[in-house]
Amino acid sequence: MTPQEFKQERQRLALTIKAMAERIGVSEQAIWYYETGKRKVPQPVALLLNSQQLYDKLLAEKERGA
């Protein structure tokens, strides 16, 4: 997951940096590092966010079909 993808996902979820940090259990500084590319987004975090994206997509499709 690129820094831009990470930031876009945080924004898609409408989370502040503080809220995202609390959600994934890291410091606010770590979020800043991920978003600026100073640190690579850890694989477990990327998987969690990708899973959330997929879940939201499937839920939206289900609601459209209902």
N, C-alpha and C. Protein backbone atom coordinates (compact mmCIF):
# COMPACT_ATOMS: atom_id res chain seq x y z
N MET A 1 0.86 -1.18 0.00
CA MET A 1 0.00 0.00 0.00
C MET A 1 0.90 1.23 0.00
N THR A 2 0.64 2.12 -0.92
CA THR A 2 1.44 3.34 -1.02
C THR A 2 0.98 4.35 0.03
N PRO A 3 1.81 5.34 0.30
CA PRO A 3 1.39 6.39 1.23
C PRO A 3 0.10 7.08 0.78
N GLN A 4 -0.02 7.31 -0.53
CA GLN A 4 -1.22 7.97 -1.06
C GLN A 4 -2.45 7.09 -0.86
N GLU A 5 -2.32 5.80 -1.09
CA GLU A 5 -3.45 4.88 -0.89
C GLU A 5 -3.86 4.83 0.57
N PHE A 6 -2.88 4.84 1.45
CA PHE A 6 -3.18 4.83 2.88
C PHE A 6 -3.97 6.07 3.26
N LYS A 7 -3.50 7.23 2.83
CA LYS A 7 -4.17 8.48 3.16
C LYS A 7 -5.57 8.53 2.56
N GLN A 8 -5.71 8.08 1.32
CA GLN A 8 -7.02 8.07 0.67
C GLN A 8 -7.99 7.16 1.43
N GLU A 9 -7.50 6.04 1.90
CA GLU A 9 -8.38 5.13 2.65
C GLU A 9 -8.79 5.75 3.98
N ARG A 10 -7.86 6.41 4.65
CA ARG A 10 -8.21 7.10 5.91
C ARG A 10 -9.28 8.15 5.64
N GLN A 11 -9.11 8.89 4.57
CA GLN A 11 -10.08 9.92 4.23
C GLN A 11 -11.41 9.32 3.80
N ARG A 12 -11.38 8.20 3.06
CA ARG A 12 -12.62 7.53 2.65
C ARG A 12 -13.42 7.08 3.87
N LEU A 13 -12.69 6.65 4.90
CA LEU A 13 -13.34 6.21 6.13
C LEU A 13 -13.76 7.40 7.00
N ALA A 14 -13.42 8.60 6.56
CA ALA A 14 -13.73 9.85 7.27
C ALA A 14 -13.15 9.83 8.68
N LEU A 15 -11.88 9.40 8.77
CA LEU A 15 -11.20 9.35 10.06
C LEU A 15 -10.12 10.42 10.13
N THR A 16 -10.02 11.04 11.29
CA THR A 16 -8.91 11.95 11.53
C THR A 16 -7.65 11.11 11.73
N ILE A 17 -6.52 11.76 11.74
CA ILE A 17 -5.27 11.04 12.02
C ILE A 17 -5.36 10.39 13.39
N LYS A 18 -5.89 11.11 14.36
CA LYS A 18 -6.02 10.56 15.71
C LYS A 18 -6.93 9.34 15.73
N ALA A 19 -8.07 9.43 15.06
CA ALA A 19 -9.01 8.32 15.04
C ALA A 19 -8.42 7.10 14.32
N MET A 20 -7.69 7.33 13.24
CA MET A 20 -7.06 6.22 12.53
C MET A 20 -6.01 5.56 13.41
N ALA A 21 -5.23 6.37 14.10
CA ALA A 21 -4.20 5.83 15.00
C ALA A 21 -4.84 4.95 16.07
N GLU A 22 -5.93 5.42 16.65
CA GLU A 22 -6.63 4.64 17.67
C GLU A 22 -7.20 3.36 17.07
N ARG A 23 -7.73 3.44 15.88
CA ARG A 23 -8.36 2.28 15.24
C ARG A 23 -7.35 1.16 14.99
N ILE A 24 -6.14 1.52 14.53
CA ILE A 24 -5.18 0.48 14.20
C ILE A 24 -4.11 0.28 15.27
N GLY A 25 -4.18 1.04 16.36
CA GLY A 25 -3.30 0.82 17.50
C GLY A 25 -1.88 1.31 17.34
N VAL A 26 -1.73 2.46 16.69
CA VAL A 26 -0.41 3.08 16.55
C VAL A 26 -0.50 4.54 16.99
N SER A 27 0.64 5.20 17.01
CA SER A 27 0.66 6.61 17.38
C SER A 27 0.22 7.48 16.21
N GLU A 28 -0.17 8.69 16.52
CA GLU A 28 -0.51 9.65 15.46
C GLU A 28 0.72 9.93 14.60
N GLN A 29 1.89 9.92 15.21
CA GLN A 29 3.12 10.15 14.46
C GLN A 29 3.34 9.03 13.43
N ALA A 30 3.00 7.80 13.79
CA ALA A 30 3.14 6.69 12.85
C ALA A 30 2.24 6.90 11.64
N ILE A 31 1.02 7.40 11.87
CA ILE A 31 0.11 7.68 10.75
C ILE A 31 0.75 8.71 9.83
N TRP A 32 1.30 9.74 10.41
CA TRP A 32 1.97 10.78 9.61
C TRP A 32 3.11 10.17 8.81
N TYR A 33 3.91 9.30 9.44
CA TYR A 33 5.01 8.63 8.74
C TYR A 33 4.49 7.80 7.57
N TYR A 34 3.40 7.05 7.78
CA TYR A 34 2.83 6.23 6.70
C TYR A 34 2.37 7.11 5.54
N GLU A 35 1.71 8.21 5.87
CA GLU A 35 1.15 9.08 4.83
C GLU A 35 2.20 9.87 4.06
N THR A 36 3.33 10.11 4.67
CA THR A 36 4.39 10.87 4.01
C THR A 36 5.44 9.95 3.39
N GLY A 37 5.31 8.66 3.62
CA GLY A 37 6.27 7.71 3.06
C GLY A 37 7.55 7.57 3.86
N LYS A 38 7.60 8.16 5.03
CA LYS A 38 8.79 8.03 5.87
C LYS A 38 8.90 6.63 6.46
N ARG A 39 7.77 5.95 6.56
CA ARG A 39 7.73 4.54 6.98
C ARG A 39 6.79 3.81 6.05
N LYS A 40 7.14 2.57 5.77
CA LYS A 40 6.28 1.72 4.94
C LYS A 40 5.06 1.31 5.76
N VAL A 41 3.90 1.28 5.13
CA VAL A 41 2.69 0.81 5.80
C VAL A 41 2.88 -0.68 6.08
N PRO A 42 2.79 -1.09 7.36
CA PRO A 42 2.99 -2.50 7.68
C PRO A 42 1.96 -3.39 6.97
N GLN A 43 2.39 -4.58 6.56
CA GLN A 43 1.53 -5.49 5.84
C GLN A 43 0.22 -5.79 6.58
N PRO A 44 0.23 -6.03 7.89
CA PRO A 44 -1.05 -6.29 8.57
C PRO A 44 -2.02 -5.11 8.50
N VAL A 45 -1.48 -3.90 8.55
CA VAL A 45 -2.32 -2.70 8.44
C VAL A 45 -2.90 -2.60 7.04
N ALA A 46 -2.08 -2.83 6.03
CA ALA A 46 -2.55 -2.79 4.64
C ALA A 46 -3.64 -3.84 4.42
N LEU A 47 -3.44 -5.04 4.94
CA LEU A 47 -4.45 -6.10 4.80
C LEU A 47 -5.75 -5.73 5.48
N LEU A 48 -5.65 -5.15 6.67
CA LEU A 48 -6.84 -4.72 7.39
C LEU A 48 -7.62 -3.68 6.59
N LEU A 49 -6.93 -2.70 6.06
CA LEU A 49 -7.61 -1.64 5.30
C LEU A 49 -8.16 -2.17 3.98
N ASN A 50 -7.43 -3.07 3.33
CA ASN A 50 -7.94 -3.67 2.09
C ASN A 50 -9.18 -4.51 2.37
N SER A 51 -9.19 -5.21 3.49
CA SER A 51 -10.35 -6.01 3.87
C SER A 51 -11.56 -5.11 4.14
N GLN A 52 -11.33 -3.98 4.80
CA GLN A 52 -12.40 -3.03 5.07
C GLN A 52 -12.97 -2.48 3.77
N GLN A 53 -12.09 -2.17 2.83
CA GLN A 53 -12.51 -1.66 1.53
C GLN A 53 -13.38 -2.69 0.80
N LEU A 54 -12.93 -3.93 0.79
CA LEU A 54 -13.68 -5.00 0.14
C LEU A 54 -15.04 -5.21 0.81
N TYR A 55 -15.06 -5.21 2.13
CA TYR A 55 -16.32 -5.37 2.86
C TYR A 55 -17.29 -4.25 2.51
N ASP A 56 -16.82 -3.02 2.51
CA ASP A 56 -17.68 -1.88 2.19
C ASP A 56 -18.22 -1.98 0.76
N LYS A 57 -17.37 -2.43 -0.16
CA LYS A 57 -17.79 -2.59 -1.56
C LYS A 57 -18.88 -3.67 -1.68
N LEU A 58 -18.67 -4.80 -1.03
CA LEU A 58 -19.66 -5.88 -1.07
C LEU A 58 -20.97 -5.47 -0.43
N LEU A 59 -20.89 -4.74 0.66
CA LEU A 59 -22.09 -4.26 1.34
C LEU A 59 -22.88 -3.30 0.45
N ALA A 60 -22.17 -2.41 -0.23
CA ALA A 60 -22.82 -1.46 -1.13
C ALA A 60 -23.50 -2.19 -2.28
N GLU A 61 -22.83 -3.20 -2.82
CA GLU A 61 -23.42 -3.98 -3.92
C GLU A 61 -24.67 -4.72 -3.45
N LYS A 62 -24.61 -5.26 -2.27
CA LYS A 62 -25.76 -5.97 -1.70
C LYS A 62 -26.94 -5.02 -1.51
N GLU A 63 -26.67 -3.84 -1.02
CA GLU A 63 -27.73 -2.85 -0.79
C GLU A 63 -28.33 -2.38 -2.11
N ARG A 64 -27.53 -2.27 -3.15
CA ARG A 64 -28.06 -1.88 -4.47
C ARG A 64 -28.94 -2.98 -5.05
N GLY A 65 -28.58 -4.23 -4.79
CA GLY A 65 -29.34 -5.35 -5.32
C GLY A 65 -30.57 -5.69 -4.51
N ALA A 66 -30.69 -5.16 -3.31
CA ALA A 66 -31.82 -5.48 -2.43
C ALA A 66 -33.06 -4.71 -2.78
